[in-house]
PDB file of N, CA and C in Angstrom:
ATOM      1  N   GLN A   1     106.521 156.738  73.711  1.00  0.00           N
ATOM      2  CA  GLN A   1     107.457 155.240  74.094  1.00  0.00           C
ATOM      3  C   GLN A   1     106.941 154.630  72.861  1.00  0.00           C
ATOM      4  N   VAL A   2     108.208 154.066  72.168  1.00  0.00           N
ATOM      5  CA  VAL A   2     108.201 153.059  71.189  1.00  0.00           C
ATOM      6  C   VAL A   2     108.542 151.589  71.636  1.00  0.00           C
ATOM      7  N   GLY A   3     107.954 150.632  70.886  1.00  0.00           N
ATOM      8  CA  GLY A   3     108.577 149.438  71.015  1.00  0.00           C
ATOM      9  C   GLY A   3     107.862 148.397  72.274  1.00  0.00           C
ATOM     10  N   LEU A   4     107.150 149.429  72.798  1.00  0.00           N
ATOM     11  CA  LEU A   4     107.108 148.525  73.846  1.00  0.00           C
ATOM     12  C   LEU A   4     105.512 147.270  73.967  1.00  0.00           C
ATOM     13  N   ARG A   5     105.916 145.954  74.433  1.00  0.00           N
ATOM     14  CA  ARG A   5     105.048 144.701  74.213  1.00  0.00           C
ATOM     15  C   ARG A   5     103.797 145.404  75.451  1.00  0.00           C
ATOM     16  N   SER A   6     103.901 145.796  76.355  1.00  0.00           N
ATOM     17  CA  SER A   6     103.039 145.656  77.138  1.00  0.00           C
ATOM     18  C   SER A   6     102.897 146.484  78.420  1.00  0.00           C
ATOM     19  N   VAL A   7     102.316 147.313  79.277  1.00  0.00           N
ATOM     20  CA  VAL A   7     102.543 148.495  79.962  1.00  0.00           C
ATOM     21  C   VAL A   7     103.032 148.155  81.205  1.00  0.00           C
ATOM     22  N   GLY A   8     103.586 146.962  81.496  1.00  0.00           N
ATOM     23  CA  GLY A   8     104.288 146.222  82.808  1.00  0.00           C
ATOM     24  C   GLY A   8     102.998 146.599  83.765  1.00  0.00           C
ATOM     25  N   SER A   9     103.679 147.268  85.085  1.00  0.00           N
ATOM     26  CA  SER A   9     103.206 147.615  86.123  1.00  0.00           C
ATOM     27  C   SER A   9     102.507 148.890  86.094  1.00  0.00           C
ATOM     28  N   ALA A  10     101.933 149.373  85.150  1.00  0.00           N
ATOM     29  CA  ALA A  10     101.477 150.373  85.190  1.00  0.00           C
ATOM     30  C   ALA A  10     100.021 150.162  85.440  1.00  0.00           C
ATOM     31  N   ARG A  11      99.342 151.234  85.668  1.00  0.00           N
ATOM     32  CA  ARG A  11      98.136 151.311  85.840  1.00  0.00           C
ATOM     33  C   ARG A  11      97.069 152.227  84.642  1.00  0.00           C
ATOM     34  N   HIS A  12      96.116 151.825  84.801  1.00  0.00           N
ATOM     35  CA  HIS A  12      95.228 152.114  83.821  1.00  0.00           C
ATOM     36  C   HIS A  12      95.146 154.006  83.688  1.00  0.00           C
ATOM     37  N   ALA A  13      95.202 154.289  85.030  1.00  0.00           N
ATOM     38  CA  ALA A  13      95.011 155.662  84.916  1.00  0.00           C
ATOM     39  C   ALA A  13      96.641 156.680  85.117  1.00  0.00           C
ATOM     40  N   GLU A  14      97.486 155.640  85.053  1.00  0.00           N
ATOM     41  CA  GLU A  14      99.015 156.182  84.640  1.00  0.00           C
ATOM     42  C   GLU A  14      99.240 156.172  83.518  1.00  0.00           C
ATOM     43  N   ILE A  15      98.344 155.703  82.612  1.00  0.00           N
ATOM     44  CA  ILE A  15      98.677 155.392  81.185  1.00  0.00           C
ATOM     45  C   ILE A  15      97.447 156.332  80.596  1.00  0.00           C
ATOM     46  N   GLU A  16      96.382 156.758  80.958  1.00  0.00           N
ATOM     47  CA  GLU A  16      95.931 157.847  80.536  1.00  0.00           C
ATOM     48  C   GLU A  16      96.345 159.396  81.257  1.00  0.00           C
ATOM     49  N   ALA A  17      96.820 159.311  82.320  1.00  0.00           N
ATOM     50  CA  ALA A  17      97.403 160.565  82.745  1.00  0.00           C
ATOM     51  C   ALA A  17      98.962 161.009  81.685  1.00  0.00           C
ATOM     52  N   ALA A  18      99.673 160.038  81.050  1.00  0.00           N
ATOM     53  CA  ALA A  18     100.361 159.911  80.045  1.00  0.00           C
ATOM     54  C   ALA A  18      99.992 160.448  78.537  1.00  0.00           C
ATOM     55  N   ARG A  19      98.718 159.899  78.292  1.00  0.00           N
ATOM     56  CA  ARG A  19      98.681 160.557  77.284  1.00  0.00           C
ATOM     57  C   ARG A  19      97.394 162.172  76.955  1.00  0.00           C
ATOM     58  N   ARG A  20      96.980 162.151  78.069  1.00  0.00           N
ATOM     59  CA  ARG A  20      96.737 163.518  78.007  1.00  0.00           C
ATOM     60  C   ARG A  20      97.686 164.327  78.778  1.00  0.00           C
ATOM     61  N   TYR A  21      99.560 164.456  78.751  1.00  0.00           N
ATOM     62  CA  TYR A  21     100.435 164.829  78.849  1.00  0.00           C
ATOM     63  C   TYR A  21     101.052 165.040  77.502  1.00  0.00           C
ATOM     64  N   GLY A  22     100.505 164.124  76.665  1.00  0.00           N
ATOM     65  CA  GLY A  22     101.012 164.414  75.550  1.00  0.00           C
ATOM     66  C   GLY A  22     101.815 163.059  74.825  1.00  0.00           C
ATOM     67  N   SER A  23     101.739 162.273  75.611  1.00  0.00           N
ATOM     68  CA  SER A  23     102.498 161.110  75.297  1.00  0.00           C
ATOM     69  C   SER A  23     102.213 159.997  74.317  1.00  0.00           C
ATOM     70  N   ARG A  24     102.560 159.633  73.353  1.00  0.00           N
ATOM     71  CA  ARG A  24     102.122 158.850  72.815  1.00  0.00           C
ATOM     72  C   ARG A  24     102.754 157.391  73.098  1.00  0.00           C
ATOM     73  N   PHE A  25     102.279 156.319  72.323  1.00  0.00           N
ATOM     74  CA  PHE A  25     102.685 154.737  72.765  1.00  0.00           C
ATOM     75  C   PHE A  25     102.735 154.229  71.466  1.00  0.00           C
ATOM     76  N   VAL A  26     103.913 153.769  70.541  1.00  0.00           N
ATOM     77  CA  VAL A  26     103.843 152.540  69.586  1.00  0.00           C
ATOM     78  C   VAL A  26     104.059 151.879  69.847  1.00  0.00           C
ATOM     79  N   THR A  27     103.609 150.275  69.826  1.00  0.00           N
ATOM     80  CA  THR A  27     103.799 149.191  70.050  1.00  0.00           C
ATOM     81  C   THR A  27     105.306 148.621  69.338  1.00  0.00           C
ATOM     82  N   ALA A  28     105.621 147.593  69.669  1.00  0.00           N
ATOM     83  CA  ALA A  28     106.645 146.608  69.303  1.00  0.00           C
ATOM     84  C   ALA A  28     105.969 146.203  67.972  1.00  0.00           C
ATOM     85  N   ARG A  29     104.837 146.085  67.833  1.00  0.00           N
ATOM     86  CA  ARG A  29     103.875 145.081  66.683  1.00  0.00           C
ATOM     87  C   ARG A  29     103.695 146.308  65.669  1.00  0.00           C
ATOM     88  N   GLU A  30     103.388 147.738  66.209  1.00  0.00           N
ATOM     89  CA  GLU A  30     103.451 148.758  65.032  1.00  0.00           C
ATOM     90  C   GLU A  30     104.657 148.518  64.320  1.00  0.00           C
ATOM     91  N   VAL A  31     105.846 148.413  65.312  1.00  0.00           N
ATOM     92  CA  VAL A  31     107.153 148.832  64.683  1.00  0.00           C
ATOM     93  C   VAL A  31     107.944 147.406  63.689  1.00  0.00           C
ATOM     94  N   HIS A  32     107.024 146.592  63.778  1.00  0.00           N
ATOM     95  CA  HIS A  32     107.604 145.240  63.068  1.00  0.00           C
ATOM     96  C   HIS A  32     106.509 145.405  61.949  1.00  0.00           C
ATOM     97  N   ALA A  33     105.121 146.216  62.097  1.00  0.00           N
ATOM     98  CA  ALA A  33     104.453 145.706  60.650  1.00  0.00           C
ATOM     99  C   ALA A  33     105.093 147.151  59.878  1.00  0.00           C
ATOM    100  N   GLN A  34     104.863 148.137  60.247  1.00  0.00           N
ATOM    101  CA  GLN A  34     104.532 149.317  59.635  1.00  0.00           C
ATOM    102  C   GLN A  34     106.582 150.356  59.397  1.00  0.00           C
ATOM    103  N   GLY A  35     107.348 149.622  60.008  1.00  0.00           N
ATOM    104  CA  GLY A  35     108.713 150.019  60.423  1.00  0.00           C
ATOM    105  C   GLY A  35     108.482 151.205  61.258  1.00  0.00           C
ATOM    106  N   VAL A  36     110.061 151.800  61.298  1.00  0.00           N
ATOM    107  CA  VAL A  36     110.276 152.882  62.363  1.00  0.00           C
ATOM    108  C   VAL A  36     109.037 154.136  62.115  1.00  0.00           C
ATOM    109  N   GLU A  37     108.749 154.234  60.791  1.00  0.00           N
ATOM    110  CA  GLU A  37     108.424 155.440  60.401  1.00  0.00           C
ATOM    111  C   GLU A  37     106.964 155.436  61.432  1.00  0.00           C
ATOM    112  N   VAL A  38     106.463 154.615  61.652  1.00  0.00           N
ATOM    113  CA  VAL A  38     105.204 154.864  62.333  1.00  0.00           C
ATOM    114  C   VAL A  38     105.408 155.542  63.665  1.00  0.00           C
ATOM    115  N   ALA A  39     106.606 155.442  63.911  1.00  0.00           N
ATOM    116  CA  ALA A  39     107.147 156.357  65.503  1.00  0.00           C
ATOM    117  C   ALA A  39     107.599 157.668  64.746  1.00  0.00           C
ATOM    118  N   LEU A  40     108.058 158.127  63.849  1.00  0.00           N
ATOM    119  CA  LEU A  40     108.211 159.071  63.726  1.00  0.00           C
ATOM    120  C   LEU A  40     107.271 159.975  63.440  1.00  0.00           C
ATOM    121  N   ARG A  41     105.960 159.781  62.781  1.00  0.00           N
ATOM    122  CA  ARG A  41     104.948 160.462  62.225  1.00  0.00           C
ATOM    123  C   ARG A  41     104.418 161.064  63.588  1.00  0.00           C
ATOM    124  N   HIS A  42     104.934 160.461  64.833  1.00  0.00           N
ATOM    125  CA  HIS A  42     104.575 161.577  65.792  1.00  0.00           C
ATOM    126  C   HIS A  42     105.212 162.924  66.466  1.00  0.00           C
ATOM    127  N   ILE A  43     106.060 162.657  65.876  1.00  0.00           N
ATOM    128  CA  ILE A  43     107.416 163.723  66.119  1.00  0.00           C
ATOM    129  C   ILE A  43     107.188 165.150  65.166  1.00  0.00           C
ATOM    130  N   PRO A  44     106.921 166.417  65.264  1.00  0.00           N
ATOM    131  CA  PRO A  44     107.000 167.697  64.808  1.00  0.00           C
ATOM    132  C   PRO A  44     108.107 167.867  63.940  1.00  0.00           C
ATOM    133  N   GLU A  45     107.546 168.263  62.749  1.00  0.00           N
ATOM    134  CA  GLU A  45     109.324 168.607  62.200  1.00  0.00           C
ATOM    135  C   GLU A  45     109.546 169.550  62.579  1.00  0.00           C
ATOM    136  N   GLY A  46     111.079 169.539  62.974  1.00  0.00           N
ATOM    137  CA  GLY A  46     111.582 170.529  63.435  1.00  0.00           C
ATOM    138  C   GLY A  46     111.709 170.544  64.902  1.00  0.00           C
ATOM    139  N   ALA A  47     110.881 169.680  65.671  1.00  0.00           N
ATOM    140  CA  ALA A  47     110.995 169.367  66.961  1.00  0.00           C
ATOM    141  C   ALA A  47     112.369 169.276  67.573  1.00  0.00           C
ATOM    142  N   GLN A  48     112.709 169.453  69.006  1.00  0.00           N
ATOM    143  CA  GLN A  48     113.972 168.590  69.762  1.00  0.00           C
ATOM    144  C   GLN A  48     113.650 167.570  70.001  1.00  0.00           C
ATOM    145  N   VAL A  49     114.484 166.525  70.372  1.00  0.00           N
ATOM    146  CA  VAL A  49     113.695 165.440  70.789  1.00  0.00           C
ATOM    147  C   VAL A  49     115.336 165.046  71.565  1.00  0.00           C
ATOM    148  N   VAL A  50     114.691 164.184  72.528  1.00  0.00           N
ATOM    149  CA  VAL A  50     115.839 163.152  72.699  1.00  0.00           C
ATOM    150  C   VAL A  50     115.375 161.508  73.246  1.00  0.00           C
ATOM    151  N   VAL A  51     116.714 160.682  72.904  1.00  0.00           N
ATOM    152  CA  VAL A  51     116.244 159.336  72.341  1.00  0.00           C
ATOM    153  C   VAL A  51     116.874 158.964  73.128  1.00  0.00           C
ATOM    154  N   THR A  52     116.409 157.664  74.176  1.00  0.00           N
ATOM    155  CA  THR A  52     116.875 157.177  75.179  1.00  0.00           C
ATOM    156  C   THR A  52     116.130 155.567  75.032  1.00  0.00           C
ATOM    157  N   LEU A  53     117.024 154.704  75.287  1.00  0.00           N
ATOM    158  CA  LEU A  53     117.228 153.085  75.248  1.00  0.00           C
ATOM    159  C   LEU A  53     117.153 152.606  76.426  1.00  0.00           C
ATOM    160  N   ASP A  54     116.306 151.988  76.642  1.00  0.00           N
ATOM    161  CA  ASP A  54     116.022 151.060  77.697  1.00  0.00           C
ATOM    162  C   ASP A  54     116.395 149.916  77.283  1.00  0.00           C
ATOM    163  N   CYS A  55     117.700 149.355  77.728  1.00  0.00           N
ATOM    164  CA  CYS A  55     118.603 148.206  77.690  1.00  0.00           C
ATOM    165  C   CYS A  55     117.643 146.759  78.217  1.00  0.00           C
ATOM    166  N   ASP A  56     116.465 146.930  79.626  1.00  0.00           N
ATOM    167  CA  ASP A  56     115.952 145.958  79.788  1.00  0.00           C
ATOM    168  C   ASP A  56     114.942 145.299  78.512  1.00  0.00           C
ATOM    169  N   GLY A  57     114.844 145.860  77.390  1.00  0.00           N
ATOM    170  CA  GLY A  57     113.742 146.011  76.869  1.00  0.00           C
ATOM    171  C   GLY A  57     114.537 144.932  75.382  1.00  0.00           C
ATOM    172  N   LEU A  58     116.053 144.651  76.219  1.00  0.00           N
ATOM    173  CA  LEU A  58     116.935 143.615  74.454  1.00  0.00           C
ATOM    174  C   LEU A  58     116.540 142.651  75.251  1.00  0.00           C
ATOM    175  N   ASP A  59     117.326 141.299  74.121  1.00  0.00           N
ATOM    176  CA  ASP A  59     117.823 139.970  74.970  1.00  0.00           C
ATOM    177  C   ASP A  59     118.629 139.888  75.396  1.00  0.00           C
ATOM    178  N   PRO A  60     118.948 139.294  76.677  1.00  0.00           N
ATOM    179  CA  PRO A  60     119.706 139.215  77.464  1.00  0.00           C
ATOM    180  C   PRO A  60     120.912 138.630  76.968  1.00  0.00           C
ATOM    181  N   GLY A  61     120.332 138.123  75.743  1.00  0.00           N
ATOM    182  CA  GLY A  61     121.848 137.386  74.841  1.00  0.00           C
ATOM    183  C   GLY A  61     122.737 138.085  74.618  1.00  0.00           C
ATOM    184  N   ILE A  62     121.685 139.419  74.009  1.00  0.00           N
ATOM    185  CA  ILE A  62     122.432 140.702  73.603  1.00  0.00           C
ATOM    186  C   ILE A  62     122.851 141.523  74.652  1.00  0.00           C
ATOM    187  N   MET A  63     121.952 141.666  75.218  1.00  0.00           N
ATOM    188  CA  MET A  63     122.503 142.631  76.550  1.00  0.00           C
ATOM    189  C   MET A  63     122.580 141.862  77.962  1.00  0.00           C
ATOM    190  N   PRO A  64     123.370 141.268  78.334  1.00  0.00           N
ATOM    191  CA  PRO A  64     122.975 140.357  79.565  1.00  0.00           C
ATOM    192  C   PRO A  64     122.982 141.508  80.795  1.00  0.00           C
ATOM    193  N   GLY A  65     123.509 142.539  80.950  1.00  0.00           N
ATOM    194  CA  GLY A  65     123.992 143.240  82.285  1.00  0.00           C
ATOM    195  C   GLY A  65     123.137 144.291  82.714  1.00  0.00           C
ATOM    196  N   VAL A  66     121.329 143.834  82.528  1.00  0.00           N
ATOM    197  CA  VAL A  66     120.367 144.716  83.364  1.00  0.00           C
ATOM    198  C   VAL A  66     120.082 144.446  84.350  1.00  0.00           C
ATOM    199  N   ALA A  67     119.084 145.264  84.923  1.00  0.00           N
ATOM    200  CA  ALA A  67     118.035 144.272  86.347  1.00  0.00           C
ATOM    201  C   ALA A  67     117.140 143.355  86.132  1.00  0.00           C
ATOM    202  N   ALA A  68     116.210 143.887  85.111  1.00  0.00           N
ATOM    203  CA  ALA A  68     115.284 143.006  84.714  1.00  0.00           C
ATOM    204  C   ALA A  68     115.416 141.670  83.347  1.00  0.00           C
ATOM    205  N   ARG A  69     115.934 140.994  83.890  1.00  0.00           N
ATOM    206  CA  ARG A  69     116.488 140.213  82.463  1.00  0.00           C
ATOM    207  C   ARG A  69     115.007 139.006  82.067  1.00  0.00           C
ATOM    208  N   THR A  70     114.873 139.348  80.898  1.00  0.00           N
ATOM    209  CA  THR A  70     113.819 138.981  80.228  1.00  0.00           C
ATOM    210  C   THR A  70     113.967 138.010  79.378  1.00  0.00           C
ATOM    211  N   PRO A  71     113.238 137.119  78.971  1.00  0.00           N
ATOM    212  CA  PRO A  71     113.674 136.175  77.687  1.00  0.00           C
ATOM    213  C   PRO A  71     113.041 136.889  76.541  1.00  0.00           C
ATOM    214  N   GLY A  72     113.859 137.821  75.340  1.00  0.00           N
ATOM    215  CA  GLY A  72     112.864 138.409  74.603  1.00  0.00           C
ATOM    216  C   GLY A  72     113.275 139.705  74.751  1.00  0.00           C
ATOM    217  N   GLY A  73     113.699 140.276  75.835  1.00  0.00           N
ATOM    218  CA  GLY A  73     113.660 141.460  76.104  1.00  0.00           C
ATOM    219  C   GLY A  73     112.633 141.963  77.204  1.00  0.00           C
TER     220      GLY A  73
END
């Protein structure tokens, strides 16, 4: 997951299970400091990936039509 600011309602055990499954977490702070390359380093060369965008992560001024509107996204 790229760009997360917090883990929301996820419990510690769920985060650890995701890590054991192979999930990687790149925080918004890391992306701001190091650029998107910090996330791209985790993708093996030639890997087939699916990219999705959680619009709840965008500021309501940019994307007002989401279920969980929060200032700053």
